[in-house]
Amino acid sequence: MNNTTVSGWFETAREPLFEIFAPTRNPAALNLILARTEIDFIAQLHYGADVLIRTAIEKIGNSSFVVVHEAFQKDILAARGKAVQVCFDHQTQKSMPLSDSYRQQLEAHLIQQDNTAR
């Protein structure tokens, strides 16, 4: 399995979060940008076997939030990663604070202190 595949899976797993910011699924209305990603490869992934992706919010800042991902194959953690998403005003080309509505919806996906998703 090519390592770039995992990045694509993690991006696809963020789609429900994108819908918070663009409920109509119109990419032009999405006021988010990706500021950073990281992936740690822990075990091999093999073509032809199902992969389970778990996604949650690790931290919510003023204008950004950190999404965490885990990829499991045959109940083995194979990869974990993070993505920093920034609420962004495309007109001014600057970050903007997360609204109370966005923040409330993101909080529903926060990881608890013991690192388990709600």
N, C-alpha and C. Protein backbone atom coordinates (compact mmCIF):
# COMPACT_ATOMS: atom_id res chain seq x y z
N MET A 1 0.86 -1.16 0.00
CA MET A 1 0.00 0.00 0.00
C MET A 1 0.91 1.23 0.00
N ASN A 2 0.65 2.17 -0.90
CA ASN A 2 1.44 3.38 -0.98
C ASN A 2 1.11 4.30 0.20
N ASN A 3 2.14 4.91 0.79
CA ASN A 3 1.92 5.74 1.97
C ASN A 3 1.06 6.97 1.71
N THR A 4 1.00 7.46 0.48
CA THR A 4 0.16 8.62 0.20
C THR A 4 -1.32 8.30 0.27
N THR A 5 -1.66 7.03 0.17
CA THR A 5 -3.06 6.61 0.26
C THR A 5 -3.65 6.97 1.62
N VAL A 6 -2.87 6.82 2.67
CA VAL A 6 -3.36 7.10 4.03
C VAL A 6 -3.75 8.57 4.16
N SER A 7 -2.97 9.46 3.60
CA SER A 7 -3.30 10.88 3.64
C SER A 7 -4.66 11.15 3.00
N GLY A 8 -4.93 10.50 1.88
CA GLY A 8 -6.23 10.65 1.22
C GLY A 8 -7.37 10.11 2.06
N TRP A 9 -7.14 8.97 2.71
CA TRP A 9 -8.17 8.42 3.60
C TRP A 9 -8.47 9.37 4.74
N PHE A 10 -7.41 9.94 5.32
CA PHE A 10 -7.61 10.86 6.45
C PHE A 10 -8.37 12.11 5.99
N GLU A 11 -8.05 12.61 4.79
CA GLU A 11 -8.79 13.77 4.28
C GLU A 11 -10.26 13.43 4.08
N THR A 12 -10.53 12.29 3.50
CA THR A 12 -11.92 11.86 3.29
C THR A 12 -12.64 11.72 4.63
N ALA A 13 -11.95 11.26 5.65
CA ALA A 13 -12.56 11.09 6.97
C ALA A 13 -12.90 12.44 7.62
N ARG A 14 -12.31 13.53 7.13
CA ARG A 14 -12.65 14.87 7.66
C ARG A 14 -13.91 15.45 7.01
N GLU A 15 -14.45 14.78 6.00
CA GLU A 15 -15.61 15.31 5.28
C GLU A 15 -16.79 15.69 6.19
N PRO A 16 -17.16 14.87 7.19
CA PRO A 16 -18.26 15.30 8.06
C PRO A 16 -17.97 16.61 8.80
N LEU A 17 -16.70 16.86 9.08
CA LEU A 17 -16.34 18.14 9.71
C LEU A 17 -16.47 19.29 8.71
N PHE A 18 -16.12 19.02 7.45
CA PHE A 18 -16.27 20.04 6.41
C PHE A 18 -17.73 20.47 6.28
N GLU A 19 -18.65 19.52 6.49
CA GLU A 19 -20.07 19.84 6.37
C GLU A 19 -20.54 20.81 7.44
N ILE A 20 -19.83 20.88 8.56
CA ILE A 20 -20.15 21.89 9.58
C ILE A 20 -19.95 23.28 8.98
N PHE A 21 -18.91 23.43 8.18
CA PHE A 21 -18.55 24.73 7.63
C PHE A 21 -19.20 25.03 6.28
N ALA A 22 -19.63 23.99 5.58
CA ALA A 22 -20.29 24.16 4.28
C ALA A 22 -21.38 23.10 4.14
N PRO A 23 -22.53 23.30 4.83
CA PRO A 23 -23.59 22.30 4.82
C PRO A 23 -24.12 21.95 3.43
N THR A 24 -23.99 22.86 2.48
CA THR A 24 -24.47 22.60 1.12
C THR A 24 -23.47 21.79 0.30
N ARG A 25 -22.32 21.50 0.90
CA ARG A 25 -21.24 20.75 0.25
C ARG A 25 -20.67 21.49 -0.95
N ASN A 26 -20.84 22.79 -0.99
CA ASN A 26 -20.28 23.61 -2.05
C ASN A 26 -18.84 23.98 -1.65
N PRO A 27 -17.83 23.46 -2.36
CA PRO A 27 -16.45 23.75 -1.99
C PRO A 27 -16.13 25.25 -1.93
N ALA A 28 -16.80 26.05 -2.74
CA ALA A 28 -16.55 27.49 -2.74
C ALA A 28 -17.01 28.14 -1.43
N ALA A 29 -17.93 27.49 -0.73
CA ALA A 29 -18.42 28.04 0.54
C ALA A 29 -17.62 27.56 1.75
N LEU A 30 -16.66 26.69 1.52
CA LEU A 30 -15.89 26.11 2.62
C LEU A 30 -14.83 27.11 3.09
N ASN A 31 -15.03 27.65 4.28
CA ASN A 31 -14.10 28.65 4.81
C ASN A 31 -13.07 28.00 5.75
N LEU A 32 -12.46 26.94 5.25
CA LEU A 32 -11.40 26.24 5.97
C LEU A 32 -10.20 26.07 5.04
N ILE A 33 -9.01 26.11 5.63
CA ILE A 33 -7.82 25.72 4.90
C ILE A 33 -7.05 24.73 5.77
N LEU A 34 -6.27 23.92 5.11
CA LEU A 34 -5.42 22.96 5.80
C LEU A 34 -4.08 23.63 6.03
N ALA A 35 -3.66 23.74 7.29
CA ALA A 35 -2.41 24.41 7.61
C ALA A 35 -1.26 23.43 7.83
N ARG A 36 -1.58 22.21 8.27
CA ARG A 36 -0.52 21.25 8.59
C ARG A 36 -1.10 19.85 8.65
N THR A 37 -0.31 18.87 8.21
CA THR A 37 -0.65 17.47 8.41
C THR A 37 0.59 16.72 8.86
N GLU A 38 0.36 15.64 9.58
CA GLU A 38 1.44 14.74 9.95
C GLU A 38 0.86 13.34 10.04
N ILE A 39 1.68 12.36 9.67
CA ILE A 39 1.26 10.96 9.75
C ILE A 39 2.42 10.14 10.28
N ASP A 40 2.13 9.31 11.26
CA ASP A 40 3.09 8.33 11.75
C ASP A 40 2.63 6.96 11.28
N PHE A 41 3.52 6.26 10.60
CA PHE A 41 3.23 4.91 10.13
C PHE A 41 3.76 3.92 11.16
N ILE A 42 2.87 3.10 11.69
CA ILE A 42 3.20 2.24 12.82
C ILE A 42 3.33 0.78 12.39
N ALA A 43 2.49 0.35 11.48
CA ALA A 43 2.51 -1.02 10.98
C ALA A 43 2.18 -0.99 9.50
N GLN A 44 2.47 -2.06 8.81
CA GLN A 44 2.17 -2.13 7.39
C GLN A 44 0.68 -2.24 7.15
N LEU A 45 0.24 -1.62 6.07
CA LEU A 45 -1.13 -1.78 5.57
C LEU A 45 -1.04 -2.63 4.31
N HIS A 46 -1.96 -3.55 4.15
CA HIS A 46 -1.91 -4.47 3.03
C HIS A 46 -3.13 -4.28 2.13
N TYR A 47 -2.87 -4.25 0.83
CA TYR A 47 -3.92 -4.12 -0.16
C TYR A 47 -4.89 -5.29 -0.04
N GLY A 48 -6.17 -4.98 -0.16
CA GLY A 48 -7.19 -6.02 -0.18
C GLY A 48 -7.86 -6.29 1.15
N ALA A 49 -7.34 -5.72 2.23
CA ALA A 49 -7.96 -5.89 3.55
C ALA A 49 -8.59 -4.57 3.98
N ASP A 50 -9.75 -4.65 4.61
CA ASP A 50 -10.47 -3.45 5.06
C ASP A 50 -9.62 -2.63 6.03
N VAL A 51 -9.85 -1.32 6.00
CA VAL A 51 -9.18 -0.39 6.91
C VAL A 51 -10.26 0.44 7.59
N LEU A 52 -10.16 0.55 8.90
CA LEU A 52 -11.08 1.37 9.69
C LEU A 52 -10.36 2.66 10.05
N ILE A 53 -10.99 3.80 9.77
CA ILE A 53 -10.43 5.11 10.11
C ILE A 53 -11.26 5.70 11.23
N ARG A 54 -10.60 6.11 12.30
CA ARG A 54 -11.26 6.81 13.40
C ARG A 54 -10.78 8.25 13.38
N THR A 55 -11.72 9.18 13.56
CA THR A 55 -11.42 10.60 13.49
C THR A 55 -12.09 11.31 14.65
N ALA A 56 -11.37 12.27 15.25
CA ALA A 56 -11.92 13.06 16.35
C ALA A 56 -11.21 14.41 16.39
N ILE A 57 -11.69 15.28 17.25
CA ILE A 57 -11.06 16.59 17.46
C ILE A 57 -10.21 16.51 18.72
N GLU A 58 -8.96 16.91 18.60
CA GLU A 58 -8.05 16.90 19.75
C GLU A 58 -8.07 18.22 20.51
N LYS A 59 -8.13 19.33 19.76
CA LYS A 59 -8.01 20.65 20.37
C LYS A 59 -8.72 21.68 19.51
N ILE A 60 -9.36 22.64 20.17
CA ILE A 60 -10.01 23.74 19.46
C ILE A 60 -9.37 25.04 19.94
N GLY A 61 -8.86 25.81 19.00
CA GLY A 61 -8.24 27.10 19.32
C GLY A 61 -9.17 28.24 18.96
N ASN A 62 -8.61 29.42 18.81
CA ASN A 62 -9.39 30.60 18.48
C ASN A 62 -9.91 30.55 17.03
N SER A 63 -9.01 30.22 16.11
CA SER A 63 -9.40 30.16 14.69
C SER A 63 -9.08 28.81 14.05
N SER A 64 -8.54 27.90 14.83
CA SER A 64 -8.13 26.61 14.27
C SER A 64 -8.54 25.46 15.19
N PHE A 65 -8.42 24.26 14.63
CA PHE A 65 -8.67 23.06 15.43
C PHE A 65 -7.80 21.93 14.89
N VAL A 66 -7.50 20.99 15.77
CA VAL A 66 -6.65 19.86 15.42
C VAL A 66 -7.51 18.61 15.32
N VAL A 67 -7.45 17.96 14.17
CA VAL A 67 -8.17 16.71 13.92
C VAL A 67 -7.16 15.57 14.08
N VAL A 68 -7.55 14.54 14.80
CA VAL A 68 -6.69 13.35 14.94
C VAL A 68 -7.33 12.18 14.20
N HIS A 69 -6.48 11.36 13.64
CA HIS A 69 -6.92 10.19 12.88
C HIS A 69 -6.15 8.96 13.31
N GLU A 70 -6.80 7.81 13.21
CA GLU A 70 -6.14 6.53 13.40
C GLU A 70 -6.65 5.58 12.32
N ALA A 71 -5.73 4.80 11.75
CA ALA A 71 -6.08 3.80 10.74
C ALA A 71 -5.77 2.42 11.30
N PHE A 72 -6.78 1.56 11.31
CA PHE A 72 -6.65 0.20 11.82
C PHE A 72 -6.90 -0.79 10.69
N GLN A 73 -6.11 -1.84 10.66
CA GLN A 73 -6.36 -2.95 9.75
C GLN A 73 -6.22 -4.24 10.55
N LYS A 74 -7.27 -5.05 10.49
CA LYS A 74 -7.33 -6.29 11.27
C LYS A 74 -7.06 -6.01 12.76
N ASP A 75 -7.70 -4.94 13.28
CA ASP A 75 -7.61 -4.53 14.68
C ASP A 75 -6.22 -4.09 15.12
N ILE A 76 -5.34 -3.81 14.18
CA ILE A 76 -4.00 -3.34 14.49
C ILE A 76 -3.87 -1.88 14.07
N LEU A 77 -3.41 -1.02 14.98
CA LEU A 77 -3.18 0.38 14.65
C LEU A 77 -2.01 0.44 13.66
N ALA A 78 -2.29 0.92 12.46
CA ALA A 78 -1.28 0.96 11.41
C ALA A 78 -0.75 2.37 11.15
N ALA A 79 -1.57 3.39 11.40
CA ALA A 79 -1.14 4.77 11.18
C ALA A 79 -1.96 5.70 12.06
N ARG A 80 -1.31 6.78 12.45
CA ARG A 80 -2.03 7.83 13.18
C ARG A 80 -1.55 9.16 12.63
N GLY A 81 -2.44 10.13 12.68
CA GLY A 81 -2.06 11.43 12.13
C GLY A 81 -2.86 12.56 12.74
N LYS A 82 -2.43 13.76 12.37
CA LYS A 82 -3.10 14.99 12.81
C LYS A 82 -3.20 15.93 11.61
N ALA A 83 -4.23 16.75 11.64
CA ALA A 83 -4.41 17.79 10.63
C ALA A 83 -4.86 19.06 11.34
N VAL A 84 -4.20 20.16 11.06
CA VAL A 84 -4.61 21.45 11.61
C VAL A 84 -5.42 22.17 10.55
N GLN A 85 -6.67 22.45 10.88
CA GLN A 85 -7.58 23.16 9.99
C GLN A 85 -7.77 24.57 10.54
N VAL A 86 -7.78 25.55 9.67
CA VAL A 86 -7.92 26.95 10.06
C VAL A 86 -9.15 27.54 9.40
N CYS A 87 -9.98 28.19 10.21
CA CYS A 87 -11.13 28.94 9.70
C CYS A 87 -10.55 30.15 8.96
N PHE A 88 -10.95 30.32 7.70
CA PHE A 88 -10.24 31.26 6.82
C PHE A 88 -11.21 32.09 6.01
N ASP A 89 -10.94 33.39 5.95
CA ASP A 89 -11.72 34.31 5.13
C ASP A 89 -11.00 34.46 3.79
N HIS A 90 -11.57 33.90 2.75
CA HIS A 90 -10.91 33.92 1.45
C HIS A 90 -10.87 35.32 0.84
N GLN A 91 -11.77 36.20 1.25
CA GLN A 91 -11.77 37.59 0.74
C GLN A 91 -10.57 38.36 1.26
N THR A 92 -10.33 38.26 2.58
CA THR A 92 -9.24 39.02 3.19
C THR A 92 -7.93 38.24 3.22
N GLN A 93 -8.02 36.92 2.92
CA GLN A 93 -6.86 36.04 2.96
C GLN A 93 -6.23 35.99 4.36
N LYS A 94 -7.12 35.97 5.38
CA LYS A 94 -6.66 35.90 6.76
C LYS A 94 -7.52 34.91 7.53
N SER A 95 -6.93 34.38 8.59
CA SER A 95 -7.72 33.51 9.47
C SER A 95 -8.79 34.34 10.16
N MET A 96 -9.84 33.64 10.60
CA MET A 96 -10.90 34.32 11.33
C MET A 96 -11.33 33.44 12.49
N PRO A 97 -11.84 34.05 13.56
CA PRO A 97 -12.24 33.25 14.73
C PRO A 97 -13.34 32.26 14.39
N LEU A 98 -13.30 31.12 15.04
CA LEU A 98 -14.39 30.15 14.92
C LEU A 98 -15.63 30.74 15.57
N SER A 99 -16.75 30.65 14.90
CA SER A 99 -17.99 31.15 15.49
C SER A 99 -18.41 30.24 16.64
N ASP A 100 -19.30 30.73 17.49
CA ASP A 100 -19.81 29.91 18.58
C ASP A 100 -20.50 28.66 18.05
N SER A 101 -21.19 28.78 16.93
CA SER A 101 -21.87 27.64 16.33
C SER A 101 -20.86 26.57 15.87
N TYR A 102 -19.82 27.01 15.16
CA TYR A 102 -18.78 26.07 14.73
C TYR A 102 -18.14 25.39 15.94
N ARG A 103 -17.81 26.21 16.94
CA ARG A 103 -17.13 25.69 18.14
C ARG A 103 -18.00 24.63 18.84
N GLN A 104 -19.28 24.92 18.97
CA GLN A 104 -20.19 23.98 19.63
C GLN A 104 -20.27 22.66 18.87
N GLN A 105 -20.36 22.73 17.56
CA GLN A 105 -20.44 21.51 16.76
C GLN A 105 -19.13 20.72 16.81
N LEU A 106 -18.00 21.40 16.82
CA LEU A 106 -16.71 20.72 16.92
C LEU A 106 -16.53 20.07 18.29
N GLU A 107 -17.01 20.74 19.34
CA GLU A 107 -16.88 20.20 20.70
C GLU A 107 -17.56 18.84 20.85
N ALA A 108 -18.56 18.58 20.04
CA ALA A 108 -19.26 17.28 20.10
C ALA A 108 -18.34 16.13 19.69
N HIS A 109 -17.21 16.45 19.07
CA HIS A 109 -16.28 15.43 18.58
C HIS A 109 -14.94 15.45 19.32
N LEU A 110 -14.88 16.20 20.43
CA LEU A 110 -13.62 16.30 21.19
C LEU A 110 -13.24 14.97 21.83
N ILE A 111 -11.95 14.70 21.84
CA ILE A 111 -11.42 13.53 22.55
C ILE A 111 -11.43 13.86 24.03
N GLN A 112 -11.82 12.91 24.84
CA GLN A 112 -11.78 13.07 26.29
C GLN A 112 -10.34 12.90 26.77
N GLN A 113 -10.09 13.21 28.02
CA GLN A 113 -8.75 13.14 28.59
C GLN A 113 -8.11 11.77 28.43
N ASP A 114 -8.88 10.68 28.44
CA ASP A 114 -8.30 9.35 28.32
C ASP A 114 -8.08 8.95 26.87
N ASN A 115 -8.15 9.97 25.94
CA ASN A 115 -7.89 9.78 24.50
C ASN A 115 -8.92 8.91 23.80
N THR A 116 -10.14 8.87 24.31
CA THR A 116 -11.21 8.17 23.60
C THR A 116 -12.18 9.20 23.07
N ALA A 117 -12.68 8.97 21.89
CA ALA A 117 -13.63 9.90 21.29
C ALA A 117 -14.97 9.79 22.01
N ARG A 118 -15.70 10.90 22.05
CA ARG A 118 -17.03 10.92 22.65
C ARG A 118 -18.01 10.17 21.79
